[in-house]
Amino acid sequence: MLDFYYMLYSAPCRSILMTAQALGLELNKKKVDLDAGDHLKPDFVKINPQHTIPTLVDGDFAIWESRAILLYLAEKYDKDGLVYPKDPQQRAVVNQRLFFDLGTLYQSYVYYYYPQLFEDVKKPADPDNLKRIDAAFAMFDTLLEGQQYAALGKLTLADFALLATVSTFEISEYDFGKYPNVVRWYDNAKKVVPGWEENWEGCVYYKNLYLGGILNKQ
């Protein structure tokens, strides 16, 4: 059994839940309440000294950082290359999309929203950081030109990670309607990615827990 330390409101955690469902993997879900300090308890720090979620434990092996977990699950359990192809060049394309999500699209969310949500002294929205989001979506729109999926013309790990991120933007009321390729991809992904319902449940949970205050100010 795979132990999965997570919170449903976390986009990176949700990407792993969807991937596990696609691969037919059963996860032993263990909620970690960051607000309550669960991640700082000695038992968890022993597993993950960086004390972050998501964290996956497979027997005596522990791994954290969501994209690393996605790759581990695919490399170990996706024997037929269902969502992570065997060809090195095809894998490189999927990896590029995963790292685009990590370093550009999801990071633009962090730059803009996190200071308003999680810093000790809440900060107003920075319009320059909103431009980061616009630029990230514009690039994603370019990557999706003529494509139904995020990479390789079929469902891959990239779609799970990016769907978790883009749905978080939607619940945060960022309007990406001016990016038609993103809208088309998103509408399709919601239909074909296993676990979409649980992902959206997590988005609503996140909105109710954190977003109400800043959305009321917009």
C-alpha atoms as a PDB file:
ATOM      1  CA  MET A   1       0.000   0.000   0.000  1.00  0.00           C
ATOM      2  CA  LEU A   2       1.223   3.478  -0.878  1.00  0.00           C
ATOM      3  CA  ASP A   3       0.953   5.989   1.966  1.00  0.00           C
ATOM      4  CA  PHE A   4       0.048   9.421   0.631  1.00  0.00           C
ATOM      5  CA  TYR A   5       0.408  12.458   2.886  1.00  0.00           C
ATOM      6  CA  TYR A   6      -1.679  15.258   1.466  1.00  0.00           C
ATOM      7  CA  MET A   7      -4.406  17.879   1.766  1.00  0.00           C
ATOM      8  CA  LEU A   8      -7.167  17.985  -0.806  1.00  0.00           C
ATOM      9  CA  TYR A   9      -6.956  21.757  -1.194  1.00  0.00           C
ATOM     10  CA  SER A  10      -3.404  21.485  -2.565  1.00  0.00           C
ATOM     11  CA  ALA A  11      -3.125  21.533  -6.362  1.00  0.00           C
ATOM     12  CA  PRO A  12       0.089  19.455  -6.389  1.00  0.00           C
ATOM     13  CA  CYS A  13      -1.617  16.859  -4.182  1.00  0.00           C
ATOM     14  CA  ARG A  14      -4.636  16.779  -6.464  1.00  0.00           C
ATOM     15  CA  SER A  15      -2.481  16.076  -9.509  1.00  0.00           C
ATOM     16  CA  ILE A  16      -1.224  12.921  -7.805  1.00  0.00           C
ATOM     17  CA  LEU A  17      -4.719  11.805  -6.814  1.00  0.00           C
ATOM     18  CA  MET A  18      -5.815  12.026 -10.451  1.00  0.00           C
ATOM     19  CA  THR A  19      -2.709  10.224 -11.689  1.00  0.00           C
ATOM     20  CA  ALA A  20      -3.130   7.418  -9.180  1.00  0.00           C
ATOM     21  CA  GLN A  21      -6.718   6.926 -10.290  1.00  0.00           C
ATOM     22  CA  ALA A  22      -5.647   6.783 -13.941  1.00  0.00           C
ATOM     23  CA  LEU A  23      -3.058   4.125 -13.083  1.00  0.00           C
ATOM     24  CA  GLY A  24      -5.451   2.123 -10.928  1.00  0.00           C
ATOM     25  CA  LEU A  25      -3.377   2.683  -7.789  1.00  0.00           C
ATOM     26  CA  GLU A  26      -4.902   2.617  -4.330  1.00  0.00           C
ATOM     27  CA  LEU A  27      -3.491   5.259  -2.005  1.00  0.00           C
ATOM     28  CA  ASN A  28      -3.629   5.109   1.778  1.00  0.00           C
ATOM     29  CA  LYS A  29      -4.549   8.763   2.223  1.00  0.00           C
ATOM     30  CA  LYS A  30      -3.183  10.526   5.290  1.00  0.00           C
ATOM     31  CA  LYS A  31      -4.315  14.123   5.718  1.00  0.00           C
ATOM     32  CA  VAL A  32      -1.698  16.603   6.897  1.00  0.00           C
ATOM     33  CA  ASP A  33      -3.220  19.801   8.282  1.00  0.00           C
ATOM     34  CA  LEU A  34      -0.597  22.477   7.686  1.00  0.00           C
ATOM     35  CA  ASP A  35      -2.566  25.099   9.606  1.00  0.00           C
ATOM     36  CA  ALA A  36      -2.526  22.816  12.643  1.00  0.00           C
ATOM     37  CA  GLY A  37       1.204  22.150  12.279  1.00  0.00           C
ATOM     38  CA  ASP A  38       0.909  18.456  11.432  1.00  0.00           C
ATOM     39  CA  HIS A  39       3.818  18.779   9.001  1.00  0.00           C
ATOM     40  CA  LEU A  40       6.142  19.819  11.826  1.00  0.00           C
ATOM     41  CA  LYS A  41       5.466  16.838  14.064  1.00  0.00           C
ATOM     42  CA  PRO A  42       8.524  14.609  14.616  1.00  0.00           C
ATOM     43  CA  ASP A  43       7.003  11.533  12.979  1.00  0.00           C
ATOM     44  CA  PHE A  44       6.370  13.406   9.741  1.00  0.00           C
ATOM     45  CA  VAL A  45       9.715  15.204   9.758  1.00  0.00           C
ATOM     46  CA  LYS A  46      11.400  11.792   9.989  1.00  0.00           C
ATOM     47  CA  ILE A  47       9.689  10.835   6.749  1.00  0.00           C
ATOM     48  CA  ASN A  48      10.252  14.167   5.014  1.00  0.00           C
ATOM     49  CA  PRO A  49      12.804  16.511   6.593  1.00  0.00           C
ATOM     50  CA  GLN A  50      11.606  19.250   4.243  1.00  0.00           C
ATOM     51  CA  HIS A  51       8.171  18.736   5.902  1.00  0.00           C
ATOM     52  CA  THR A  52       6.147  19.451   2.775  1.00  0.00           C
ATOM     53  CA  ILE A  53       3.138  17.930   1.107  1.00  0.00           C
ATOM     54  CA  PRO A  54       2.551  15.949  -0.953  1.00  0.00           C
ATOM     55  CA  THR A  55       4.734  13.131   0.324  1.00  0.00           C
ATOM     56  CA  LEU A  56       4.545   9.523  -0.860  1.00  0.00           C
ATOM     57  CA  VAL A  57       5.835   6.484   1.039  1.00  0.00           C
ATOM     58  CA  ASP A  58       6.240   3.226  -0.864  1.00  0.00           C
ATOM     59  CA  GLY A  59       7.495   0.620   1.586  1.00  0.00           C
ATOM     60  CA  ASP A  60      10.728   1.985   3.021  1.00  0.00           C
ATOM     61  CA  PHE A  61      11.063   4.605   0.281  1.00  0.00           C
ATOM     62  CA  ALA A  62       9.814   8.175   0.691  1.00  0.00           C
ATOM     63  CA  ILE A  63       9.631  10.853  -1.988  1.00  0.00           C
ATOM     64  CA  TRP A  64       8.208  14.372  -2.035  1.00  0.00           C
ATOM     65  CA  GLU A  65       7.744  17.233  -4.530  1.00  0.00           C
ATOM     66  CA  SER A  66       4.703  16.516  -6.635  1.00  0.00           C
ATOM     67  CA  ARG A  67       6.298  16.258 -10.077  1.00  0.00           C
ATOM     68  CA  ALA A  68       8.929  13.880  -8.704  1.00  0.00           C
ATOM     69  CA  ILE A  69       6.105  11.773  -7.279  1.00  0.00           C
ATOM     70  CA  LEU A  70       4.262  11.812 -10.592  1.00  0.00           C
ATOM     71  CA  LEU A  71       7.359  10.600 -12.408  1.00  0.00           C
ATOM     72  CA  TYR A  72       8.054   7.935  -9.800  1.00  0.00           C
ATOM     73  CA  LEU A  73       4.521   6.547 -10.014  1.00  0.00           C
ATOM     74  CA  ALA A  74       4.640   6.469 -13.801  1.00  0.00           C
ATOM     75  CA  GLU A  75       8.098   4.920 -14.026  1.00  0.00           C
ATOM     76  CA  LYS A  76       7.279   2.193 -11.507  1.00  0.00           C
ATOM     77  CA  TYR A  77       3.623   1.447 -12.141  1.00  0.00           C
ATOM     78  CA  ASP A  78       2.821   2.577 -15.703  1.00  0.00           C
ATOM     79  CA  LYS A  79       4.308  -0.514 -17.326  1.00  0.00           C
ATOM     80  CA  ASP A  80       2.531   0.040 -20.632  1.00  0.00           C
ATOM     81  CA  GLY A  81       3.414   3.716 -20.989  1.00  0.00           C
ATOM     82  CA  LEU A  82      -0.225   4.702 -20.610  1.00  0.00           C
ATOM     83  CA  VAL A  83       0.464   8.239 -19.377  1.00  0.00           C
ATOM     84  CA  TYR A  84       4.267   8.367 -19.604  1.00  0.00           C
ATOM     85  CA  PRO A  85       5.666   6.991 -22.861  1.00  0.00           C
ATOM     86  CA  LYS A  86       8.806   4.881 -23.080  1.00  0.00           C
ATOM     87  CA  ASP A  87      10.427   6.835 -25.922  1.00  0.00           C
ATOM     88  CA  PRO A  88      13.064   9.274 -24.521  1.00  0.00           C
ATOM     89  CA  GLN A  89      12.100  12.139 -26.793  1.00  0.00           C
ATOM     90  CA  GLN A  90       8.418  11.759 -26.023  1.00  0.00           C
ATOM     91  CA  ARG A  91       9.238  11.652 -22.333  1.00  0.00           C
ATOM     92  CA  ALA A  92      11.262  14.814 -22.746  1.00  0.00           C
ATOM     93  CA  VAL A  93       8.209  16.615 -24.124  1.00  0.00           C
ATOM     94  CA  VAL A  94       6.076  15.459 -21.205  1.00  0.00           C
ATOM     95  CA  ASN A  95       8.830  16.511 -18.791  1.00  0.00           C
ATOM     96  CA  GLN A  96       9.039  19.929 -20.415  1.00  0.00           C
ATOM     97  CA  ARG A  97       5.316  20.468 -19.831  1.00  0.00           C
ATOM     98  CA  LEU A  98       5.646  19.308 -16.219  1.00  0.00           C
ATOM     99  CA  PHE A  99       8.500  21.719 -15.615  1.00  0.00           C
ATOM    100  CA  PHE A 100       6.614  24.495 -17.418  1.00  0.00           C
ATOM    101  CA  ASP A 101       3.811  23.918 -14.951  1.00  0.00           C
ATOM    102  CA  LEU A 102       6.203  23.893 -11.994  1.00  0.00           C
ATOM    103  CA  GLY A 103       8.408  26.832 -12.900  1.00  0.00           C
ATOM    104  CA  THR A 104       6.127  29.062 -14.953  1.00  0.00           C
ATOM    105  CA  LEU A 105       2.369  28.502 -14.734  1.00  0.00           C
ATOM    106  CA  TYR A 106       1.988  27.324 -11.128  1.00  0.00           C
ATOM    107  CA  GLN A 107       4.775  29.633 -10.023  1.00  0.00           C
ATOM    108  CA  SER A 108       2.891  32.605 -11.459  1.00  0.00           C
ATOM    109  CA  TYR A 109       0.001  31.649  -9.174  1.00  0.00           C
ATOM    110  CA  VAL A 110       2.364  31.599  -6.222  1.00  0.00           C
ATOM    111  CA  TYR A 111       3.788  35.029  -7.047  1.00  0.00           C
ATOM    112  CA  TYR A 112       0.390  36.687  -7.355  1.00  0.00           C
ATOM    113  CA  TYR A 113      -1.861  34.952  -4.828  1.00  0.00           C
ATOM    114  CA  TYR A 114       0.339  33.682  -2.019  1.00  0.00           C
ATOM    115  CA  PRO A 115       1.348  37.114  -0.631  1.00  0.00           C
ATOM    116  CA  GLN A 116      -2.362  37.901  -0.295  1.00  0.00           C
ATOM    117  CA  LEU A 117      -3.156  34.573   1.338  1.00  0.00           C
ATOM    118  CA  PHE A 118      -0.300  33.236   3.404  1.00  0.00           C
ATOM    119  CA  GLU A 119       2.207  35.914   4.430  1.00  0.00           C
ATOM    120  CA  ASP A 120       2.094  37.065   8.058  1.00  0.00           C
ATOM    121  CA  VAL A 121       1.339  40.587   6.873  1.00  0.00           C
ATOM    122  CA  LYS A 122      -1.065  40.167   3.976  1.00  0.00           C
ATOM    123  CA  LYS A 123      -0.078  42.166   0.923  1.00  0.00           C
ATOM    124  CA  PRO A 124      -2.301  43.663  -1.768  1.00  0.00           C
ATOM    125  CA  ALA A 125      -2.274  42.148  -5.223  1.00  0.00           C
ATOM    126  CA  ASP A 126       0.747  43.181  -7.284  1.00  0.00           C
ATOM    127  CA  PRO A 127      -0.266  44.065 -10.863  1.00  0.00           C
ATOM    128  CA  ASP A 128       3.193  43.130 -12.120  1.00  0.00           C
ATOM    129  CA  ASN A 129       2.639  39.617 -10.838  1.00  0.00           C
ATOM    130  CA  LEU A 130      -0.699  39.500 -12.606  1.00  0.00           C
ATOM    131  CA  LYS A 131       1.267  40.111 -15.799  1.00  0.00           C
ATOM    132  CA  ARG A 132       3.292  36.982 -14.972  1.00  0.00           C
ATOM    133  CA  ILE A 133       0.060  34.990 -14.989  1.00  0.00           C
ATOM    134  CA  ASP A 134      -1.016  36.507 -18.299  1.00  0.00           C
ATOM    135  CA  ALA A 135       2.358  35.707 -19.854  1.00  0.00           C
ATOM    136  CA  ALA A 136       2.261  32.125 -18.534  1.00  0.00           C
ATOM    137  CA  PHE A 137      -1.206  31.527 -19.962  1.00  0.00           C
ATOM    138  CA  ALA A 138      -0.196  33.091 -23.262  1.00  0.00           C
ATOM    139  CA  MET A 139       2.698  30.642 -23.493  1.00  0.00           C
ATOM    140  CA  PHE A 140       0.485  27.711 -22.516  1.00  0.00           C
ATOM    141  CA  ASP A 141      -1.950  28.797 -25.217  1.00  0.00           C
ATOM    142  CA  THR A 142       0.908  28.712 -27.725  1.00  0.00           C
ATOM    143  CA  LEU A 143       1.985  25.233 -26.598  1.00  0.00           C
ATOM    144  CA  LEU A 144      -1.570  24.005 -27.101  1.00  0.00           C
ATOM    145  CA  GLU A 145      -1.932  25.308 -30.648  1.00  0.00           C
ATOM    146  CA  GLY A 146      -3.508  22.507 -32.673  1.00  0.00           C
ATOM    147  CA  GLN A 147      -3.315  20.140 -29.683  1.00  0.00           C
ATOM    148  CA  GLN A 148      -6.120  18.445 -27.779  1.00  0.00           C
ATOM    149  CA  TYR A 149      -3.802  17.436 -24.937  1.00  0.00           C
ATOM    150  CA  ALA A 150      -0.898  19.106 -23.181  1.00  0.00           C
ATOM    151  CA  ALA A 151       1.692  16.898 -24.895  1.00  0.00           C
ATOM    152  CA  LEU A 152       1.996  14.310 -27.675  1.00  0.00           C
ATOM    153  CA  GLY A 153      -1.636  14.345 -28.750  1.00  0.00           C
ATOM    154  CA  LYS A 154      -2.743  12.034 -25.957  1.00  0.00           C
ATOM    155  CA  LEU A 155      -3.413  12.035 -22.229  1.00  0.00           C
ATOM    156  CA  THR A 156      -0.153  12.142 -20.232  1.00  0.00           C
ATOM    157  CA  LEU A 157       1.189  13.137 -16.836  1.00  0.00           C
ATOM    158  CA  ALA A 158       1.358  16.699 -18.113  1.00  0.00           C
ATOM    159  CA  ASP A 159      -2.417  16.926 -18.303  1.00  0.00           C
ATOM    160  CA  PHE A 160      -2.853  15.867 -14.673  1.00  0.00           C
ATOM    161  CA  ALA A 161      -0.420  18.462 -13.340  1.00  0.00           C
ATOM    162  CA  LEU A 162      -1.681  21.264 -15.552  1.00  0.00           C
ATOM    163  CA  LEU A 163      -5.329  20.466 -14.887  1.00  0.00           C
ATOM    164  CA  ALA A 164      -4.764  20.745 -11.148  1.00  0.00           C
ATOM    165  CA  THR A 165      -3.112  24.124 -11.701  1.00  0.00           C
ATOM    166  CA  VAL A 166      -5.589  25.605 -14.181  1.00  0.00           C
ATOM    167  CA  SER A 167      -8.584  24.525 -12.097  1.00  0.00           C
ATOM    168  CA  THR A 168      -7.005  26.377  -9.168  1.00  0.00           C
ATOM    169  CA  PHE A 169      -6.853  29.492 -11.318  1.00  0.00           C
ATOM    170  CA  GLU A 170     -10.504  29.007 -12.222  1.00  0.00           C
ATOM    171  CA  ILE A 171     -11.658  28.690  -8.613  1.00  0.00           C
ATOM    172  CA  SER A 172      -9.574  31.804  -7.870  1.00  0.00           C
ATOM    173  CA  GLU A 173     -11.627  33.616 -10.531  1.00  0.00           C
ATOM    174  CA  TYR A 174      -8.773  34.333 -12.901  1.00  0.00           C
ATOM    175  CA  ASP A 175     -10.358  34.766 -16.336  1.00  0.00           C
ATOM    176  CA  PHE A 176      -8.398  32.775 -18.913  1.00  0.00           C
ATOM    177  CA  GLY A 177     -11.196  33.004 -21.455  1.00  0.00           C
ATOM    178  CA  LYS A 178      -9.035  35.072 -23.825  1.00  0.00           C
ATOM    179  CA  TYR A 179      -6.810  32.033 -24.394  1.00  0.00           C
ATOM    180  CA  PRO A 180      -8.960  29.844 -26.676  1.00  0.00           C
ATOM    181  CA  ASN A 181      -6.556  26.918 -26.853  1.00  0.00           C
ATOM    182  CA  VAL A 182      -6.415  26.747 -23.062  1.00  0.00           C
ATOM    183  CA  VAL A 183     -10.210  26.879 -22.827  1.00  0.00           C
ATOM    184  CA  ARG A 184     -10.563  24.085 -25.395  1.00  0.00           C
ATOM    185  CA  TRP A 185      -7.943  21.927 -23.652  1.00  0.00           C
ATOM    186  CA  TYR A 186      -9.472  22.580 -20.229  1.00  0.00           C
ATOM    187  CA  ASP A 187     -13.002  21.687 -21.325  1.00  0.00           C
ATOM    188  CA  ASN A 188     -11.719  18.407 -22.759  1.00  0.00           C
ATOM    189  CA  ALA A 189      -9.458  17.598 -19.802  1.00  0.00           C
ATOM    190  CA  LYS A 190     -12.344  17.915 -17.363  1.00  0.00           C
ATOM    191  CA  LYS A 191     -14.144  15.198 -19.313  1.00  0.00           C
ATOM    192  CA  VAL A 192     -11.299  12.735 -19.877  1.00  0.00           C
ATOM    193  CA  VAL A 193      -9.033  12.964 -16.818  1.00  0.00           C
ATOM    194  CA  PRO A 194      -9.937  10.383 -14.172  1.00  0.00           C
ATOM    195  CA  GLY A 195     -10.611  11.920 -10.787  1.00  0.00           C
ATOM    196  CA  TRP A 196     -11.787  15.318 -12.028  1.00  0.00           C
ATOM    197  CA  GLU A 197     -14.656  15.344  -9.509  1.00  0.00           C
ATOM    198  CA  GLU A 198     -12.333  14.913  -6.529  1.00  0.00           C
ATOM    199  CA  ASN A 199     -10.017  17.542  -7.977  1.00  0.00           C
ATOM    200  CA  TRP A 200     -12.860  20.048  -8.213  1.00  0.00           C
ATOM    201  CA  GLU A 201     -13.996  19.150  -4.701  1.00  0.00           C
ATOM    202  CA  GLY A 202     -10.511  20.129  -3.564  1.00  0.00           C
ATOM    203  CA  CYS A 203     -10.722  23.411  -5.482  1.00  0.00           C
ATOM    204  CA  VAL A 204     -13.988  24.324  -3.748  1.00  0.00           C
ATOM    205  CA  TYR A 205     -12.479  23.357  -0.390  1.00  0.00           C
ATOM    206  CA  TYR A 206      -9.507  25.615  -1.106  1.00  0.00           C
ATOM    207  CA  LYS A 207     -11.783  28.513  -2.069  1.00  0.00           C
ATOM    208  CA  ASN A 208     -13.870  28.211   1.081  1.00  0.00           C
ATOM    209  CA  LEU A 209     -10.808  27.874   3.292  1.00  0.00           C
ATOM    210  CA  TYR A 210      -8.575  30.612   1.915  1.00  0.00           C
ATOM    211  CA  LEU A 211      -9.917  32.629  -1.000  1.00  0.00           C
ATOM    212  CA  GLY A 212     -13.074  34.259   0.328  1.00  0.00           C
ATOM    213  CA  GLY A 213     -11.385  37.352   1.716  1.00  0.00           C
ATOM    214  CA  ILE A 214      -9.365  38.334  -1.320  1.00  0.00           C
ATOM    215  CA  LEU A 215     -12.085  37.497  -3.849  1.00  0.00           C
ATOM    216  CA  ASN A 216     -14.510  39.777  -1.999  1.00  0.00           C
ATOM    217  CA  LYS A 217     -12.014  42.630  -2.444  1.00  0.00           C
ATOM    218  CA  GLN A 218     -11.683  42.210  -6.200  1.00  0.00           C
END
